[in-house]
Amino acid sequence: MAEQVIAPATGEQAPETEPVVTPAVQEPETVESLKAKLAEAERKAQNKTEEAERHYKKLSKFEEEEKKRQEAAMSDLEKAQKKAAELEAENKRLKVDTLKQSVAAKLGLPESLALRLQGETKEEIEADAKEILETLPKKSPQIDATNPNGGSQRTETDAERRKRLNI
């Protein structure tokens, strides 16, 4: 006997079932296919890098030409003002560097640290130098069996020598 599905007579339809979708089985990728994908990705990356370098060179060229164009458009007065501003800035920098070196020498800061001082005025630079000196380790004399005085080079005076020799 064959079974029949009979729909209810009340006008209702039998519930429809959704078709079962079976996932497609992916075959594992082989080493060769992965190497090919990697080589393709590296080639694309190299192309992008070369393209970026070309764009950078082109942009640098345009910027240089724009700078030349702007300088050519400047009047003599504007050129002189620009040059004067550059010289004033250089002069200020040199004065501050000289001030830093003199403060460092005055306070006993090592010369290698002189240009690392911060500040624009003498007071600011001195405050920074003092702060640096506080953080630097203090050198203590090496005291050992062969150097009991710790490196001090004290010499006896004439009076001490006479007293020691009973003269």
Protein backbone atom coordinates (compact mmCIF):
# COMPACT_ATOMS: atom_id res chain seq x y z
CA MET A 1 0.00 0.00 0.00
CA ALA A 2 1.24 3.38 -0.87
CA GLU A 3 0.86 6.10 1.67
CA GLN A 4 -0.88 9.24 0.68
CA VAL A 5 -0.61 12.56 2.35
CA ILE A 6 -4.03 14.00 2.60
CA ALA A 7 -4.41 17.68 3.23
CA PRO A 8 -6.96 18.63 5.82
CA ALA A 9 -10.31 19.45 4.39
CA THR A 10 -10.57 22.73 6.24
CA GLY A 11 -8.53 24.57 3.64
CA GLU A 12 -5.30 24.47 5.55
CA GLN A 13 -2.26 23.40 3.67
CA ALA A 14 0.34 21.04 4.92
CA PRO A 15 3.36 22.85 6.35
CA GLU A 16 6.15 23.13 3.83
CA THR A 17 9.57 22.01 4.91
CA GLU A 18 12.59 24.03 3.91
CA PRO A 19 15.04 22.18 1.76
CA VAL A 20 18.09 21.01 3.66
CA VAL A 21 21.21 22.69 2.36
CA THR A 22 24.30 20.64 2.77
CA PRO A 23 27.47 22.70 3.03
CA ALA A 24 29.84 22.27 0.16
CA VAL A 25 32.86 20.35 1.30
CA GLN A 26 35.96 22.44 0.69
CA GLU A 27 38.95 20.56 -0.32
CA PRO A 28 42.02 21.40 1.74
CA GLU A 29 44.37 23.77 -0.03
CA THR A 30 47.65 22.36 -1.12
CA VAL A 31 51.02 23.83 -0.31
CA GLU A 32 51.50 24.71 -3.95
CA SER A 33 48.23 26.65 -4.13
CA LEU A 34 49.09 28.52 -0.94
CA LYS A 35 52.54 29.35 -2.31
CA ALA A 36 50.95 30.61 -5.52
CA LYS A 37 48.55 32.83 -3.53
CA LEU A 38 51.46 34.16 -1.45
CA ALA A 39 53.51 34.91 -4.56
CA GLU A 40 50.53 36.74 -6.08
CA ALA A 41 50.04 38.79 -2.91
CA GLU A 42 53.75 39.66 -2.78
CA ARG A 43 53.67 40.73 -6.43
CA LYS A 44 50.65 42.97 -5.79
CA ALA A 45 52.34 44.47 -2.72
CA GLN A 46 55.50 45.15 -4.73
CA ASN A 47 53.46 46.83 -7.45
CA LYS A 48 51.71 49.01 -4.85
CA THR A 49 55.07 49.94 -3.30
CA GLU A 50 56.51 50.90 -6.68
CA GLU A 51 53.41 52.91 -7.49
CA ALA A 52 53.63 54.72 -4.14
CA GLU A 53 57.30 55.54 -4.79
CA ARG A 54 56.43 56.96 -8.21
CA HIS A 55 53.69 59.09 -6.67
CA TYR A 56 56.04 60.30 -3.93
CA LYS A 57 58.71 61.32 -6.45
CA LYS A 58 56.11 63.08 -8.57
CA LEU A 59 54.71 64.91 -5.52
CA SER A 60 58.20 65.95 -4.40
CA LYS A 61 58.90 67.32 -7.87
CA PHE A 62 55.63 69.30 -7.84
CA GLU A 63 56.34 70.67 -4.37
CA GLU A 64 59.82 71.78 -5.42
CA GLU A 65 58.47 73.47 -8.53
CA GLU A 66 55.76 75.21 -6.48
CA LYS A 67 58.38 76.48 -4.03
CA LYS A 68 60.48 77.84 -6.90
CA ARG A 69 57.40 79.46 -8.42
CA GLN A 70 56.51 81.12 -5.13
CA GLU A 71 60.07 82.39 -4.67
CA ALA A 72 60.08 83.78 -8.21
CA ALA A 73 56.81 85.59 -7.51
CA MET A 74 58.24 87.27 -4.41
CA SER A 75 59.29 90.87 -4.65
CA ASP A 76 62.77 91.95 -3.67
CA LEU A 77 61.41 93.35 -0.42
CA GLU A 78 59.71 90.06 0.47
CA LYS A 79 62.91 88.15 -0.31
CA ALA A 80 64.91 90.49 1.91
CA GLN A 81 62.36 90.15 4.71
CA LYS A 82 62.44 86.36 4.45
CA LYS A 83 66.24 86.33 4.53
CA ALA A 84 66.26 88.71 7.52
CA ALA A 85 63.82 86.47 9.41
CA GLU A 86 65.99 83.41 8.70
CA LEU A 87 69.12 85.22 9.90
CA GLU A 88 67.38 86.44 13.07
CA ALA A 89 66.25 82.91 13.87
CA GLU A 90 69.78 81.58 13.30
CA ASN A 91 71.23 84.35 15.45
CA LYS A 92 68.82 83.57 18.28
CA ARG A 93 69.62 79.86 18.10
CA LEU A 94 73.37 80.55 18.25
CA LYS A 95 72.96 82.91 21.22
CA VAL A 96 70.93 80.32 23.12
CA ASP A 97 73.50 77.61 22.32
CA THR A 98 76.31 79.85 23.55
CA LEU A 99 74.35 80.62 26.69
CA LYS A 100 73.75 76.90 27.29
CA GLN A 101 77.46 76.15 26.96
CA SER A 102 78.49 78.96 29.31
CA VAL A 103 75.92 77.91 31.95
CA ALA A 104 77.06 74.29 31.67
CA ALA A 105 80.70 75.30 32.12
CA LYS A 106 79.84 77.56 35.07
CA LEU A 107 77.89 74.84 36.90
CA GLY A 108 80.28 72.00 36.02
CA LEU A 109 77.89 70.13 33.75
CA PRO A 110 79.65 67.83 31.26
CA GLU A 111 80.11 69.44 27.85
CA SER A 112 78.26 66.58 26.15
CA LEU A 113 75.10 67.60 28.02
CA ALA A 114 75.39 71.35 27.42
CA LEU A 115 73.30 71.52 24.23
CA ARG A 116 70.63 69.27 25.74
CA LEU A 117 69.67 71.93 28.25
CA GLN A 118 66.17 73.35 27.92
CA GLY A 119 65.08 76.97 28.09
CA GLU A 120 65.42 80.29 26.35
CA THR A 121 66.62 82.52 29.19
CA LYS A 122 69.64 82.22 31.45
CA GLU A 123 67.44 81.50 34.48
CA GLU A 124 65.54 78.70 32.71
CA ILE A 125 68.75 77.12 31.46
CA GLU A 126 70.41 77.32 34.90
CA ALA A 127 67.38 75.71 36.54
CA ASP A 128 67.48 72.87 34.01
CA ALA A 129 71.23 72.42 34.46
CA LYS A 130 70.85 72.24 38.25
CA GLU A 131 68.09 69.66 37.88
CA ILE A 132 70.30 67.55 35.62
CA LEU A 133 73.23 67.83 38.04
CA GLU A 134 71.01 66.60 40.88
CA THR A 135 70.05 63.50 38.90
CA LEU A 136 73.58 62.65 37.78
CA PRO A 137 75.31 60.07 40.00
CA LYS A 138 77.98 61.47 42.28
CA LYS A 139 81.47 60.09 41.79
CA SER A 140 82.93 58.65 44.94
CA PRO A 141 86.63 57.92 45.31
CA GLN A 142 87.66 54.32 44.92
CA ILE A 143 88.88 53.01 48.28
CA ASP A 144 90.62 49.68 48.32
CA ALA A 145 93.63 48.00 49.94
CA THR A 146 96.11 49.57 47.55
CA ASN A 147 94.53 53.02 47.71
CA PRO A 148 93.43 53.65 51.31
CA ASN A 149 93.10 57.42 50.86
CA GLY A 150 90.50 56.97 48.13
CA GLY A 151 92.53 58.70 45.50
CA SER A 152 93.15 61.92 47.42
CA GLN A 153 96.49 63.45 46.59
CA ARG A 154 97.02 65.26 49.89
CA THR A 155 100.61 66.20 50.51
CA GLU A 156 102.05 67.15 53.85
CA THR A 157 103.00 70.71 54.52
CA ASP A 158 106.47 71.86 55.53
CA ALA A 159 105.33 72.26 59.13
CA GLU A 160 103.93 68.73 59.21
CA ARG A 161 107.13 67.33 57.71
CA ARG A 162 109.31 69.14 60.30
CA LYS A 163 107.12 67.86 63.08
CA ARG A 164 107.24 64.32 61.72
CA LEU A 165 111.04 64.46 61.37
CA ASN A 166 111.47 66.27 64.70
CA ILE A 167 113.32 69.13 63.11
